Amino acid sequence: MISRPLYLQRYYRVMGDELPAQFLVSRSVGVCFDKEAPLDELWGIHEDAMERFRDKLGNTGSVDELTFCDGTSLLDLKVAIADRILTECHFCERRCGINRRKKETGYCGIEAISRYSAEFMHHGEEPELVPSHTIFFTGCNFSCVYCQNWEISTSPGMGHPVLPGELARTITLRRAYGSRNVNFVTPTPHTHVILKVLNALNKNVPVVWNSNMYYSQEVARLLEGIVDVYLGDFRYGNDECAMRYSNAPDYMKTVTRNFRTAYESGEILLRHLVLPNHIECCTRPIVLWTKENIPKVRFNLMFQYAPHYRAFEFTEINRRLTQDECQKAIAIVKEAGLPDVLL
């Protein structure tokens, strides 16, 4: 039997149908709004509704006590705002500003239609998530030179188009067959579609946002009231490494901001993939930042790095980790005294 991590307690209660998932609570908060209103006005209504959501989340008992509102809900409002953002896209921190509804594409290469390459019951995730109903979206807002899923991340036009109602039925079926959660992988460019899927979903299931945490402040606001567990990658401890290996400007500012926000609104399972020759520049500052800023998280120190994709172009990471590097990374985590670590 798997022992429960210290800091995923609400997740376990949602998984056991003792408490409702956050997206269901959002659907129980009634909101009146005009979809054609200025975006600033919609955000103002959103903030007022989120106050009611927070109060309701803290006072909601069992799933059976929750009832959906008769008219439009807070989740409907989030869908409307995401659709507006899509026309001047700033889902991620690159803030391309293109109109994806008109088939314009920005850095991620994704138009308005989202696609996924696969969905299945994943048994290779962290033990508390398994079996995880994992949905792999195509395209990505990063360009990691060592990406093990590069065939998916670099091909946004491949895969199955997402039909929200159909995918919601699939999630319901997977839940009936024992999934512990629904796990959206590389979700940020697909925020608008994921919100629509959840709006069509009537089954209580924890929502896992499996991302690089490189999303905009606006998306962070939309995710509060939706995401139960942020399964977040913290890859680099400085901006230089982030630019060299993932072409991600302002990495530290963006990712640390989003981890702090997630820390206030959900539970976090933080992943750090240890890179060769990057113990001092990346692993150590990440561990120390986590300890100082968001200590009550589940921290997964990962050693499965392999030089996939274009890693051969970068001599310093064109190999697997040494035993010495693994031991140094473990020592850093132990010295920091993080309370809930998965090695």
Protein backbone atom coordinates (compact mmCIF):
# COMPACT_ATOMS: atom_id res chain seq x y z
CA MET A 1 0.00 0.00 0.00
CA ILE A 2 1.30 3.46 -0.96
CA SER A 3 1.67 5.86 1.94
CA ARG A 4 0.06 9.23 1.42
CA PRO A 5 2.48 12.11 0.79
CA LEU A 6 2.35 14.89 3.34
CA TYR A 7 1.17 17.57 0.96
CA LEU A 8 -1.32 15.96 -1.43
CA GLN A 9 -4.05 15.43 1.14
CA ARG A 10 -6.91 17.15 -0.68
CA TYR A 11 -6.01 15.31 -3.87
CA TYR A 12 -6.50 11.99 -2.08
CA ARG A 13 -9.88 13.07 -0.77
CA VAL A 14 -11.04 14.12 -4.24
CA MET A 15 -9.69 10.89 -5.68
CA GLY A 16 -11.73 8.99 -3.08
CA ASP A 17 -14.89 11.03 -3.88
CA GLU A 18 -14.91 12.53 -0.40
CA LEU A 19 -14.54 16.06 -1.79
CA PRO A 20 -15.42 17.58 -5.18
CA ALA A 21 -12.75 18.48 -7.73
CA GLN A 22 -12.20 22.22 -8.04
CA PHE A 23 -13.71 22.43 -11.54
CA LEU A 24 -16.99 21.04 -10.18
CA VAL A 25 -17.04 23.69 -7.46
CA SER A 26 -16.54 26.34 -10.17
CA ARG A 27 -19.53 24.94 -12.01
CA SER A 28 -21.62 25.41 -8.88
CA VAL A 29 -20.87 29.17 -8.70
CA GLY A 30 -23.45 31.12 -10.69
CA VAL A 31 -22.23 34.11 -12.72
CA CYS A 32 -24.06 36.54 -15.03
CA PHE A 33 -21.99 37.97 -17.86
CA ASP A 34 -22.11 39.10 -21.48
CA LYS A 35 -19.62 37.16 -23.63
CA GLU A 36 -19.25 40.24 -25.85
CA ALA A 37 -18.31 42.54 -22.98
CA PRO A 38 -14.78 44.04 -22.92
CA LEU A 39 -12.19 41.62 -21.61
CA ASP A 40 -11.37 43.88 -18.65
CA GLU A 41 -15.02 43.76 -17.62
CA LEU A 42 -15.04 39.95 -17.82
CA TRP A 43 -11.95 39.82 -15.64
CA GLY A 44 -13.65 42.05 -13.06
CA ILE A 45 -16.64 39.71 -12.93
CA HIS A 46 -14.22 36.81 -12.68
CA GLU A 47 -12.51 38.27 -9.62
CA ASP A 48 -15.83 38.76 -7.84
CA ALA A 49 -16.86 35.20 -8.68
CA MET A 50 -13.54 33.81 -7.46
CA GLU A 51 -14.18 35.32 -4.03
CA ARG A 52 -17.38 33.29 -3.87
CA PHE A 53 -15.54 30.24 -5.19
CA ARG A 54 -12.90 30.44 -2.46
CA ASP A 55 -15.54 30.74 0.21
CA LYS A 56 -17.45 27.80 -1.24
CA LEU A 57 -14.35 25.64 -1.62
CA GLY A 58 -13.55 26.09 2.04
CA ASN A 59 -17.08 25.19 3.10
CA THR A 60 -17.99 22.43 0.65
CA GLY A 61 -18.46 19.00 2.16
CA SER A 62 -19.05 15.83 0.18
CA VAL A 63 -19.55 15.60 -3.58
CA ASP A 64 -23.23 14.80 -3.04
CA GLU A 65 -23.78 18.18 -1.38
CA LEU A 66 -22.65 20.04 -4.50
CA THR A 67 -25.20 21.21 -7.06
CA PHE A 68 -24.54 22.90 -10.40
CA CYS A 69 -25.96 26.38 -10.86
CA ASP A 70 -29.07 26.81 -13.03
CA GLY A 71 -27.60 29.39 -15.41
CA THR A 72 -24.09 30.31 -16.48
CA SER A 73 -21.30 29.41 -14.10
CA LEU A 74 -17.82 30.53 -13.15
CA LEU A 75 -16.45 27.79 -15.41
CA ASP A 76 -18.55 29.17 -18.30
CA LEU A 77 -16.94 32.54 -17.64
CA LYS A 78 -13.46 31.02 -17.66
CA VAL A 79 -14.25 29.39 -21.01
CA ALA A 80 -15.41 32.74 -22.42
CA ILE A 81 -12.25 34.53 -21.24
CA ALA A 82 -10.00 31.80 -22.66
CA ASP A 83 -11.77 32.07 -26.01
CA ARG A 84 -11.12 35.81 -26.03
CA ILE A 85 -7.43 35.31 -25.18
CA LEU A 86 -7.21 32.90 -28.12
CA THR A 87 -7.82 35.77 -30.55
CA GLU A 88 -4.72 37.58 -29.25
CA CYS A 89 -2.94 34.61 -27.80
CA HIS A 90 -1.11 35.03 -24.53
CA PHE A 91 -1.67 31.66 -22.91
CA CYS A 92 2.06 31.29 -22.39
CA GLU A 93 4.67 33.85 -21.38
CA ARG A 94 5.85 34.28 -24.97
CA ARG A 95 2.67 36.32 -25.51
CA CYS A 96 2.73 35.95 -29.31
CA GLY A 97 -0.47 38.00 -29.68
CA ILE A 98 -1.66 36.18 -32.79
CA ASN A 99 -5.27 35.29 -33.65
CA ARG A 100 -5.41 31.52 -33.55
CA ARG A 101 -9.06 31.58 -34.58
CA LYS A 102 -7.91 32.89 -37.94
CA LYS A 103 -5.42 30.02 -38.24
CA GLU A 104 -2.50 32.19 -37.30
CA THR A 105 0.20 30.35 -35.41
CA GLY A 106 2.75 31.57 -32.91
CA TYR A 107 5.77 29.89 -31.33
CA CYS A 108 3.91 26.66 -30.45
CA GLY A 109 2.54 26.27 -33.98
CA ILE A 110 -0.96 25.44 -32.74
CA GLU A 111 -4.10 26.87 -34.32
CA ALA A 112 -7.47 27.09 -32.54
CA ILE A 113 -8.10 23.34 -32.90
CA SER A 114 -6.25 21.31 -30.29
CA ARG A 115 -5.02 17.78 -30.94
CA TYR A 116 -3.79 14.96 -28.76
CA SER A 117 -1.47 12.15 -29.78
CA ALA A 118 -2.61 9.58 -27.21
CA GLU A 119 -4.70 9.01 -24.10
CA PHE A 120 -4.30 5.98 -21.87
CA MET A 121 -3.99 4.69 -18.33
CA HIS A 122 -0.40 5.60 -17.48
CA HIS A 123 1.43 3.42 -14.94
CA GLY A 124 4.77 5.20 -15.24
CA GLU A 125 3.97 8.38 -13.33
CA GLU A 126 4.57 9.14 -9.65
CA PRO A 127 3.09 6.39 -7.43
CA GLU A 128 0.36 8.58 -5.94
CA LEU A 129 -0.94 9.32 -9.46
CA VAL A 130 -0.97 5.78 -10.87
CA PRO A 131 -3.04 4.72 -12.70
CA SER A 132 -3.26 8.15 -14.27
CA HIS A 133 -5.51 8.89 -17.24
CA THR A 134 -2.88 10.74 -19.23
CA ILE A 135 -3.70 12.83 -22.31
CA PHE A 136 -0.72 13.87 -24.41
CA PHE A 137 -1.41 17.05 -26.39
CA THR A 138 0.66 17.86 -29.46
CA GLY A 139 2.82 20.96 -29.85
CA CYS A 140 4.73 22.80 -27.12
CA ASN A 141 5.74 26.31 -26.09
CA PHE A 142 9.29 25.09 -25.29
CA SER A 143 12.03 23.83 -27.60
CA CYS A 144 13.97 21.50 -25.32
CA VAL A 145 16.98 20.14 -27.18
CA TYR A 146 16.82 16.89 -25.19
CA CYS A 147 13.03 16.35 -25.45
CA GLN A 148 12.14 12.66 -25.27
CA ASN A 149 8.73 13.38 -26.84
CA TRP A 150 10.09 15.55 -29.63
CA GLU A 151 8.03 13.80 -32.31
CA ILE A 152 4.88 14.99 -30.52
CA SER A 153 6.08 18.38 -29.32
CA THR A 154 7.36 19.46 -32.73
CA SER A 155 4.29 18.25 -34.67
CA PRO A 156 1.27 20.29 -33.53
CA GLY A 157 -0.74 19.21 -36.57
CA MET A 158 -0.61 15.50 -35.79
CA GLY A 159 -2.98 13.49 -33.64
CA HIS A 160 -6.70 13.49 -32.94
CA PRO A 161 -8.73 16.72 -32.90
CA VAL A 162 -10.22 17.34 -29.46
CA LEU A 163 -14.00 17.25 -29.34
CA PRO A 164 -14.80 18.38 -25.78
CA GLY A 165 -17.91 16.26 -25.27
CA GLU A 166 -16.26 13.16 -26.66
CA LEU A 167 -13.12 13.56 -24.57
CA ALA A 168 -15.25 14.18 -21.48
CA ARG A 169 -16.99 10.84 -22.09
CA THR A 170 -13.59 9.15 -22.41
CA ILE A 171 -12.46 10.66 -19.11
CA THR A 172 -15.66 9.38 -17.47
CA LEU A 173 -15.04 5.89 -18.85
CA ARG A 174 -11.41 5.86 -17.68
CA ARG A 175 -12.51 6.98 -14.23
CA ALA A 176 -15.00 4.10 -14.11
CA TYR A 177 -12.15 1.74 -14.93
CA GLY A 178 -10.04 3.02 -12.04
CA SER A 179 -8.13 6.15 -13.08
CA ARG A 180 -7.04 8.22 -10.12
CA ASN A 181 -7.04 11.49 -12.05
CA VAL A 182 -7.08 13.10 -15.47
CA ASN A 183 -3.58 14.21 -16.37
CA PHE A 184 -3.28 16.89 -19.09
CA VAL A 185 0.26 16.86 -20.53
CA THR A 186 1.68 20.01 -22.20
CA PRO A 187 -1.63 21.76 -21.54
CA THR A 188 -0.85 25.48 -21.67
CA PRO A 189 -1.45 26.15 -25.40
CA HIS A 190 -4.66 24.13 -25.10
CA THR A 191 -6.15 25.97 -22.10
CA HIS A 192 -9.29 26.99 -24.00
CA VAL A 193 -10.11 23.43 -25.03
CA ILE A 194 -9.31 21.85 -21.66
CA LEU A 195 -11.72 24.24 -19.95
CA LYS A 196 -14.43 23.20 -22.42
CA VAL A 197 -13.72 19.52 -21.78
CA LEU A 198 -14.10 20.04 -18.05
CA ASN A 199 -17.28 22.04 -18.58
CA ALA A 200 -18.72 18.98 -20.33
CA LEU A 201 -17.49 16.56 -17.65
CA ASN A 202 -19.90 15.49 -14.92
CA LYS A 203 -17.64 12.97 -13.19
CA ASN A 204 -15.68 13.84 -10.07
CA VAL A 205 -12.00 13.39 -10.91
CA PRO A 206 -8.87 15.28 -9.76
CA VAL A 207 -7.39 17.50 -12.48
CA VAL A 208 -3.61 17.30 -12.91
CA TRP A 209 -1.93 20.14 -14.87
CA ASN A 210 1.27 18.50 -16.16
CA SER A 211 3.28 21.42 -17.48
CA ASN A 212 6.56 23.31 -17.77
CA MET A 213 4.94 26.11 -15.68
CA TYR A 214 5.74 28.65 -18.41
CA TYR A 215 2.26 30.14 -18.66
CA SER A 216 1.00 33.70 -18.42
CA GLN A 217 -0.44 35.39 -15.35
CA GLU A 218 -3.83 35.36 -17.06
CA VAL A 219 -3.75 31.59 -17.40
CA ALA A 220 -2.68 31.31 -13.76
CA ARG A 221 -5.87 33.20 -12.85
CA LEU A 222 -7.97 30.87 -14.99
CA LEU A 223 -6.40 27.77 -13.46
CA GLU A 224 -7.38 28.70 -9.92
CA GLY A 225 -10.68 26.93 -9.40
CA ILE A 226 -9.81 24.29 -11.99
CA VAL A 227 -6.56 22.50 -11.12
CA ASP A 228 -6.25 20.19 -8.13
CA VAL A 229 -2.60 19.19 -8.61
CA TYR A 230 0.08 21.13 -10.46
CA LEU A 231 2.53 18.53 -11.75
CA GLY A 232 5.16 21.12 -12.56
CA ASP A 233 8.61 20.84 -14.10
CA PHE A 234 11.28 23.06 -12.59
CA ARG A 235 14.03 22.48 -15.11
CA TYR A 236 16.60 25.25 -14.70
CA GLY A 237 18.03 27.31 -11.88
CA ASN A 238 18.93 30.31 -14.08
CA ASP A 239 17.88 32.07 -17.27
CA GLU A 240 21.04 31.24 -19.23
CA CYS A 241 20.49 27.48 -19.10
CA ALA A 242 16.80 27.93 -19.89
CA MET A 243 17.66 29.88 -23.05
CA ARG A 244 20.40 27.51 -24.14
CA TYR A 245 18.38 24.31 -23.85
CA SER A 246 14.71 25.35 -24.12
CA ASN A 247 14.78 28.82 -25.72
CA ALA A 248 12.72 30.16 -22.81
CA PRO A 249 13.23 33.89 -22.03
CA ASP A 250 12.63 35.20 -18.51
CA TYR A 251 12.41 31.63 -17.27
CA MET A 252 13.11 32.10 -13.57
CA LYS A 253 10.77 35.07 -13.16
CA THR A 254 7.94 33.27 -14.95
CA VAL A 255 8.24 29.84 -13.40
CA THR A 256 8.83 30.98 -9.83
CA ARG A 257 5.85 33.35 -10.10
CA ASN A 258 3.63 30.50 -11.29
CA PHE A 259 4.83 28.08 -8.63
CA ARG A 260 4.03 30.68 -5.97
CA THR A 261 0.54 31.18 -7.39
CA ALA A 262 -0.07 27.44 -7.66
CA TYR A 263 1.08 27.07 -4.06
CA GLU A 264 -1.81 29.29 -2.94
CA SER A 265 -4.56 27.67 -5.01
CA GLY A 266 -3.80 23.95 -5.30
CA GLU A 267 -1.34 21.22 -4.41
CA ILE A 268 2.03 20.81 -6.12
CA LEU A 269 4.02 17.81 -7.21
CA LEU A 270 7.26 19.41 -8.36
CA ARG A 271 9.54 17.55 -10.77
CA HIS A 272 13.20 18.35 -11.22
CA LEU A 273 15.03 16.41 -13.92
CA VAL A 274 18.72 16.45 -13.03
CA LEU A 275 20.90 17.32 -16.03
CA PRO A 276 24.56 16.31 -16.54
CA ASN A 277 26.98 19.06 -15.51
CA HIS A 278 24.12 21.13 -14.05
CA ILE A 279 24.14 20.24 -10.36
CA GLU A 280 25.46 23.59 -9.10
CA CYS A 281 23.87 25.91 -11.66
CA CYS A 282 20.43 24.29 -11.71
CA THR A 283 19.75 21.57 -9.11
CA ARG A 284 21.12 23.43 -6.09
CA PRO A 285 19.34 26.78 -6.71
CA ILE A 286 16.07 25.00 -7.50
CA VAL A 287 16.16 23.00 -4.28
CA LEU A 288 17.08 26.04 -2.19
CA TRP A 289 14.39 28.21 -3.82
CA THR A 290 11.79 25.53 -3.20
CA LYS A 291 12.78 25.18 0.45
CA GLU A 292 12.61 28.93 1.00
CA ASN A 293 9.46 29.72 -0.97
CA ILE A 294 7.19 26.68 -1.35
CA PRO A 295 8.40 24.06 1.14
CA LYS A 296 5.11 22.19 1.49
CA VAL A 297 5.24 20.43 -1.86
CA ARG A 298 5.87 16.90 -3.04
CA PHE A 299 9.37 17.12 -4.57
CA ASN A 300 10.42 14.51 -7.15
CA LEU A 301 14.15 14.40 -7.88
CA MET A 302 14.46 12.62 -11.24
CA PHE A 303 17.54 10.85 -12.60
CA GLN A 304 16.26 9.36 -15.88
CA TYR A 305 17.80 11.96 -18.17
CA ALA A 306 18.96 10.58 -21.52
CA PRO A 307 20.38 12.58 -24.46
CA HIS A 308 17.38 12.48 -26.80
CA TYR A 309 16.58 14.57 -29.89
CA ARG A 310 19.29 17.22 -30.46
CA ALA A 311 21.26 16.72 -27.24
CA PHE A 312 24.18 15.40 -29.28
CA GLU A 313 24.77 18.99 -30.40
CA PHE A 314 25.59 20.00 -26.80
CA THR A 315 28.66 18.17 -25.53
CA GLU A 316 28.02 18.97 -21.88
CA ILE A 317 24.65 17.16 -21.82
CA ASN A 318 25.34 14.49 -24.42
CA ARG A 319 25.57 11.69 -21.85
CA ARG A 320 23.70 10.14 -18.96
CA LEU A 321 24.24 11.14 -15.35
CA THR A 322 27.14 9.72 -13.41
CA GLN A 323 26.66 8.03 -10.05
CA ASP A 324 28.58 10.87 -8.45
CA GLU A 325 26.16 13.45 -9.90
CA CYS A 326 23.18 11.50 -8.59
CA GLN A 327 24.68 11.32 -5.11
CA LYS A 328 25.48 15.05 -5.10
CA ALA A 329 21.89 15.90 -6.08
CA ILE A 330 20.51 13.67 -3.32
CA ALA A 331 22.86 15.26 -0.79
CA ILE A 332 21.66 18.75 -1.77
CA VAL A 333 18.02 17.77 -1.20
CA LYS A 334 18.79 16.11 2.13
CA GLU A 335 20.82 19.09 3.33
CA ALA A 336 17.97 21.43 2.45
CA GLY A 337 15.59 19.36 4.54
CA LEU A 338 12.63 19.32 2.17
CA PRO A 339 9.97 17.37 4.07
CA ASP A 340 8.29 15.37 1.27
CA VAL A 341 10.78 14.07 -1.29
CA LEU A 342 10.50 11.29 -3.86
CA LEU A 343 13.89 9.94 -4.99
